[in-house]
Amino acid sequence: MHRYTARERQVLDLTGQGLTSSQIAAALGASELTIRKHRSNIMRKAGLASTAQLIAYASAAVAPVAPPPPLAWDALGPREAEVVRYVAAGLTSKEIARLIDISPRTVQKHRERAREKLGVHTLQEIIIRGQVPAAFQCG
């Protein structure tokens, strides 16, 4: 288990609940810059390379207060579902693009369309609610 300060554990918990850095800053009475520094420290200690990985790590480390409703996977096209699956696993757009051999901009467009179809607004929502049913898994 990684050693986190009490404040880092608070930030990790709130990140796992889907709050943004600015929302965490407001909740803890700290500056957004301070929260970003705590998140950076957590990422370094946990060996994470991206914000997406941090969010996936935090959401797995924190038991949600109430389970969020599942995403409407059947609303997505096959490529959108594939991209969202990789996003939910914590991959960045560049990593996804290299993996499935498309441009990062195309990945971004798939993410945008998927967010619209799924009714989610943030990366956190996708990762927290992105438990992928077997029928929509790639491979």
C-alpha atoms as a PDB file:
ATOM      1  CA  MET A   1       0.000   0.000   0.000  1.00  0.00           C
ATOM      2  CA  HIS A   2       1.264   3.433  -0.883  1.00  0.00           C
ATOM      3  CA  ARG A   3       1.889   5.941   1.876  1.00  0.00           C
ATOM      4  CA  TYR A   4      -0.355   8.956   1.480  1.00  0.00           C
ATOM      5  CA  THR A   5      -0.713  11.948   3.756  1.00  0.00           C
ATOM      6  CA  ALA A   6      -4.111  12.545   5.357  1.00  0.00           C
ATOM      7  CA  ARG A   7      -4.793  15.315   2.837  1.00  0.00           C
ATOM      8  CA  GLU A   8      -3.762  13.083  -0.089  1.00  0.00           C
ATOM      9  CA  ARG A   9      -6.191  10.428   1.146  1.00  0.00           C
ATOM     10  CA  GLN A  10      -8.945  13.062   1.225  1.00  0.00           C
ATOM     11  CA  VAL A  11      -8.094  14.182  -2.296  1.00  0.00           C
ATOM     12  CA  LEU A  12      -7.956  10.563  -3.488  1.00  0.00           C
ATOM     13  CA  ASP A  13     -11.338   9.849  -1.901  1.00  0.00           C
ATOM     14  CA  LEU A  14     -12.986  12.908  -3.454  1.00  0.00           C
ATOM     15  CA  THR A  15     -11.377  12.177  -6.830  1.00  0.00           C
ATOM     16  CA  GLY A  16     -12.810   8.658  -6.611  1.00  0.00           C
ATOM     17  CA  GLN A  17     -16.238  10.155  -5.986  1.00  0.00           C
ATOM     18  CA  GLY A  18     -15.976  12.005  -9.297  1.00  0.00           C
ATOM     19  CA  LEU A  19     -15.140  15.524  -8.119  1.00  0.00           C
ATOM     20  CA  THR A  20     -12.913  17.774 -10.203  1.00  0.00           C
ATOM     21  CA  SER A  21      -9.884  19.581  -8.787  1.00  0.00           C
ATOM     22  CA  SER A  22     -11.857  22.827  -8.438  1.00  0.00           C
ATOM     23  CA  GLN A  23     -14.710  21.028  -6.655  1.00  0.00           C
ATOM     24  CA  ILE A  24     -12.234  19.305  -4.314  1.00  0.00           C
ATOM     25  CA  ALA A  25     -10.556  22.656  -3.616  1.00  0.00           C
ATOM     26  CA  ALA A  26     -13.895  24.202  -2.680  1.00  0.00           C
ATOM     27  CA  ALA A  27     -14.855  21.221  -0.500  1.00  0.00           C
ATOM     28  CA  LEU A  28     -11.530  21.236   1.369  1.00  0.00           C
ATOM     29  CA  GLY A  29     -11.043  24.996   1.517  1.00  0.00           C
ATOM     30  CA  ALA A  30      -7.791  24.830  -0.437  1.00  0.00           C
ATOM     31  CA  SER A  31      -6.580  26.338  -3.680  1.00  0.00           C
ATOM     32  CA  GLU A  32      -7.004  24.425  -6.925  1.00  0.00           C
ATOM     33  CA  LEU A  33      -3.223  24.575  -7.404  1.00  0.00           C
ATOM     34  CA  THR A  34      -2.749  22.842  -4.042  1.00  0.00           C
ATOM     35  CA  ILE A  35      -5.209  20.107  -5.016  1.00  0.00           C
ATOM     36  CA  ARG A  36      -3.428  19.578  -8.340  1.00  0.00           C
ATOM     37  CA  LYS A  37      -0.142  19.234  -6.426  1.00  0.00           C
ATOM     38  CA  HIS A  38      -1.708  16.610  -4.121  1.00  0.00           C
ATOM     39  CA  ARG A  39      -3.036  14.747  -7.155  1.00  0.00           C
ATOM     40  CA  SER A  40       0.419  14.903  -8.729  1.00  0.00           C
ATOM     41  CA  ASN A  41       1.964  13.483  -5.545  1.00  0.00           C
ATOM     42  CA  ILE A  42      -0.590  10.658  -5.495  1.00  0.00           C
ATOM     43  CA  MET A  43       0.148   9.858  -9.140  1.00  0.00           C
ATOM     44  CA  ARG A  44       3.903   9.782  -8.466  1.00  0.00           C
ATOM     45  CA  LYS A  45       3.517   7.548  -5.402  1.00  0.00           C
ATOM     46  CA  ALA A  46       1.143   5.174  -7.212  1.00  0.00           C
ATOM     47  CA  GLY A  47       3.179   5.095 -10.428  1.00  0.00           C
ATOM     48  CA  LEU A  48       0.391   6.593 -12.545  1.00  0.00           C
ATOM     49  CA  ALA A  49       1.116   8.482 -15.747  1.00  0.00           C
ATOM     50  CA  SER A  50      -2.161  10.246 -16.561  1.00  0.00           C
ATOM     51  CA  THR A  51      -5.186  11.865 -15.003  1.00  0.00           C
ATOM     52  CA  ALA A  52      -7.319   9.109 -16.520  1.00  0.00           C
ATOM     53  CA  GLN A  53      -5.255   6.510 -14.667  1.00  0.00           C
ATOM     54  CA  LEU A  54      -5.577   8.534 -11.438  1.00  0.00           C
ATOM     55  CA  ILE A  55      -9.359   8.670 -11.759  1.00  0.00           C
ATOM     56  CA  ALA A  56      -9.600   4.938 -12.487  1.00  0.00           C
ATOM     57  CA  TYR A  57      -7.267   4.216  -9.534  1.00  0.00           C
ATOM     58  CA  ALA A  58      -9.209   6.517  -7.212  1.00  0.00           C
ATOM     59  CA  SER A  59     -12.612   5.158  -8.192  1.00  0.00           C
ATOM     60  CA  ALA A  60     -11.399   1.604  -7.580  1.00  0.00           C
ATOM     61  CA  ALA A  61      -9.959   2.608  -4.203  1.00  0.00           C
ATOM     62  CA  VAL A  62     -13.157   4.277  -3.010  1.00  0.00           C
ATOM     63  CA  ALA A  63     -16.462   2.555  -2.405  1.00  0.00           C
ATOM     64  CA  PRO A  64     -19.165   4.761  -3.933  1.00  0.00           C
ATOM     65  CA  VAL A  65     -21.799   6.135  -1.585  1.00  0.00           C
ATOM     66  CA  ALA A  66     -24.575   4.986  -3.913  1.00  0.00           C
ATOM     67  CA  PRO A  67     -23.885   2.999  -7.057  1.00  0.00           C
ATOM     68  CA  PRO A  68     -24.279   5.218 -10.108  1.00  0.00           C
ATOM     69  CA  PRO A  69     -26.668   4.108 -12.824  1.00  0.00           C
ATOM     70  CA  PRO A  70     -25.060   2.011 -15.548  1.00  0.00           C
ATOM     71  CA  LEU A  71     -24.247   3.579 -18.869  1.00  0.00           C
ATOM     72  CA  ALA A  72     -26.509   2.955 -21.863  1.00  0.00           C
ATOM     73  CA  TRP A  73     -23.936   0.963 -23.848  1.00  0.00           C
ATOM     74  CA  ASP A  74     -26.383  -0.021 -26.574  1.00  0.00           C
ATOM     75  CA  ALA A  75     -26.569   3.651 -27.638  1.00  0.00           C
ATOM     76  CA  LEU A  76     -22.946   3.546 -28.792  1.00  0.00           C
ATOM     77  CA  GLY A  77     -21.503   2.508 -32.104  1.00  0.00           C
ATOM     78  CA  PRO A  78     -18.837  -0.232 -32.057  1.00  0.00           C
ATOM     79  CA  ARG A  79     -15.858   2.160 -32.287  1.00  0.00           C
ATOM     80  CA  GLU A  80     -17.321   4.504 -29.660  1.00  0.00           C
ATOM     81  CA  ALA A  81     -17.818   1.564 -27.286  1.00  0.00           C
ATOM     82  CA  GLU A  82     -14.252   0.437 -27.927  1.00  0.00           C
ATOM     83  CA  VAL A  83     -12.868   3.909 -27.188  1.00  0.00           C
ATOM     84  CA  VAL A  84     -14.979   4.282 -24.025  1.00  0.00           C
ATOM     85  CA  ARG A  85     -13.823   0.876 -22.827  1.00  0.00           C
ATOM     86  CA  TYR A  86     -10.218   2.021 -23.121  1.00  0.00           C
ATOM     87  CA  VAL A  87     -11.023   5.370 -21.480  1.00  0.00           C
ATOM     88  CA  ALA A  88     -12.673   3.547 -18.567  1.00  0.00           C
ATOM     89  CA  ALA A  89      -9.506   1.448 -18.247  1.00  0.00           C
ATOM     90  CA  GLY A  90      -7.512   4.644 -17.794  1.00  0.00           C
ATOM     91  CA  LEU A  91      -5.864   5.050 -21.201  1.00  0.00           C
ATOM     92  CA  THR A  92      -5.234   8.489 -22.679  1.00  0.00           C
ATOM     93  CA  SER A  93      -6.437   9.504 -26.146  1.00  0.00           C
ATOM     94  CA  LYS A  94      -2.889   9.190 -27.502  1.00  0.00           C
ATOM     95  CA  GLU A  95      -2.524   5.689 -26.048  1.00  0.00           C
ATOM     96  CA  ILE A  96      -5.892   4.639 -27.477  1.00  0.00           C
ATOM     97  CA  ALA A  97      -5.006   6.100 -30.873  1.00  0.00           C
ATOM     98  CA  ARG A  98      -1.767   4.114 -31.022  1.00  0.00           C
ATOM     99  CA  LEU A  99      -3.506   0.952 -29.845  1.00  0.00           C
ATOM    100  CA  ILE A 100      -6.310   0.970 -32.420  1.00  0.00           C
ATOM    101  CA  ASP A 101      -4.382   2.770 -35.168  1.00  0.00           C
ATOM    102  CA  ILE A 102      -6.407   5.970 -35.538  1.00  0.00           C
ATOM    103  CA  SER A 103      -5.507   9.601 -34.890  1.00  0.00           C
ATOM    104  CA  PRO A 104      -5.791  11.112 -31.388  1.00  0.00           C
ATOM    105  CA  ARG A 105      -8.248  13.666 -32.812  1.00  0.00           C
ATOM    106  CA  THR A 106     -10.482  10.834 -34.035  1.00  0.00           C
ATOM    107  CA  VAL A 107     -10.346   9.317 -30.555  1.00  0.00           C
ATOM    108  CA  GLN A 108     -11.414  12.695 -29.135  1.00  0.00           C
ATOM    109  CA  LYS A 109     -14.374  12.820 -31.546  1.00  0.00           C
ATOM    110  CA  HIS A 110     -15.442   9.297 -30.531  1.00  0.00           C
ATOM    111  CA  ARG A 111     -15.187  10.337 -26.868  1.00  0.00           C
ATOM    112  CA  GLU A 112     -17.281  13.474 -27.495  1.00  0.00           C
ATOM    113  CA  ARG A 113     -20.010  11.563 -29.341  1.00  0.00           C
ATOM    114  CA  ALA A 114     -20.020   8.829 -26.699  1.00  0.00           C
ATOM    115  CA  ARG A 115     -20.357  11.390 -23.891  1.00  0.00           C
ATOM    116  CA  GLU A 116     -23.339  12.944 -25.676  1.00  0.00           C
ATOM    117  CA  LYS A 117     -25.023   9.587 -26.294  1.00  0.00           C
ATOM    118  CA  LEU A 118     -24.336   8.334 -22.746  1.00  0.00           C
ATOM    119  CA  GLY A 119     -25.388  11.571 -21.082  1.00  0.00           C
ATOM    120  CA  VAL A 120     -22.127  12.006 -19.171  1.00  0.00           C
ATOM    121  CA  HIS A 121     -20.163  15.213 -18.940  1.00  0.00           C
ATOM    122  CA  THR A 122     -16.767  14.354 -17.483  1.00  0.00           C
ATOM    123  CA  LEU A 123     -14.007  11.815 -17.745  1.00  0.00           C
ATOM    124  CA  GLN A 124     -14.718  10.901 -14.117  1.00  0.00           C
ATOM    125  CA  GLU A 125     -18.292   9.915 -14.946  1.00  0.00           C
ATOM    126  CA  ILE A 126     -17.140   7.705 -17.795  1.00  0.00           C
ATOM    127  CA  ILE A 127     -14.574   5.951 -15.632  1.00  0.00           C
ATOM    128  CA  ILE A 128     -16.775   5.599 -12.546  1.00  0.00           C
ATOM    129  CA  ARG A 129     -19.825   4.421 -14.487  1.00  0.00           C
ATOM    130  CA  GLY A 130     -17.868   2.670 -17.227  1.00  0.00           C
ATOM    131  CA  GLN A 131     -18.144  -0.941 -16.148  1.00  0.00           C
ATOM    132  CA  VAL A 132     -18.167  -2.509 -19.569  1.00  0.00           C
ATOM    133  CA  PRO A 133     -20.639  -5.361 -20.180  1.00  0.00           C
ATOM    134  CA  ALA A 134     -19.118  -8.428 -21.820  1.00  0.00           C
ATOM    135  CA  ALA A 135     -21.125  -7.832 -25.012  1.00  0.00           C
ATOM    136  CA  PHE A 136     -19.313  -4.525 -25.539  1.00  0.00           C
ATOM    137  CA  GLN A 137     -15.773  -5.610 -24.708  1.00  0.00           C
ATOM    138  CA  CYS A 138     -13.187  -5.446 -27.459  1.00  0.00           C
ATOM    139  CA  GLY A 139     -10.732  -8.072 -28.179  1.00  0.00           C
END
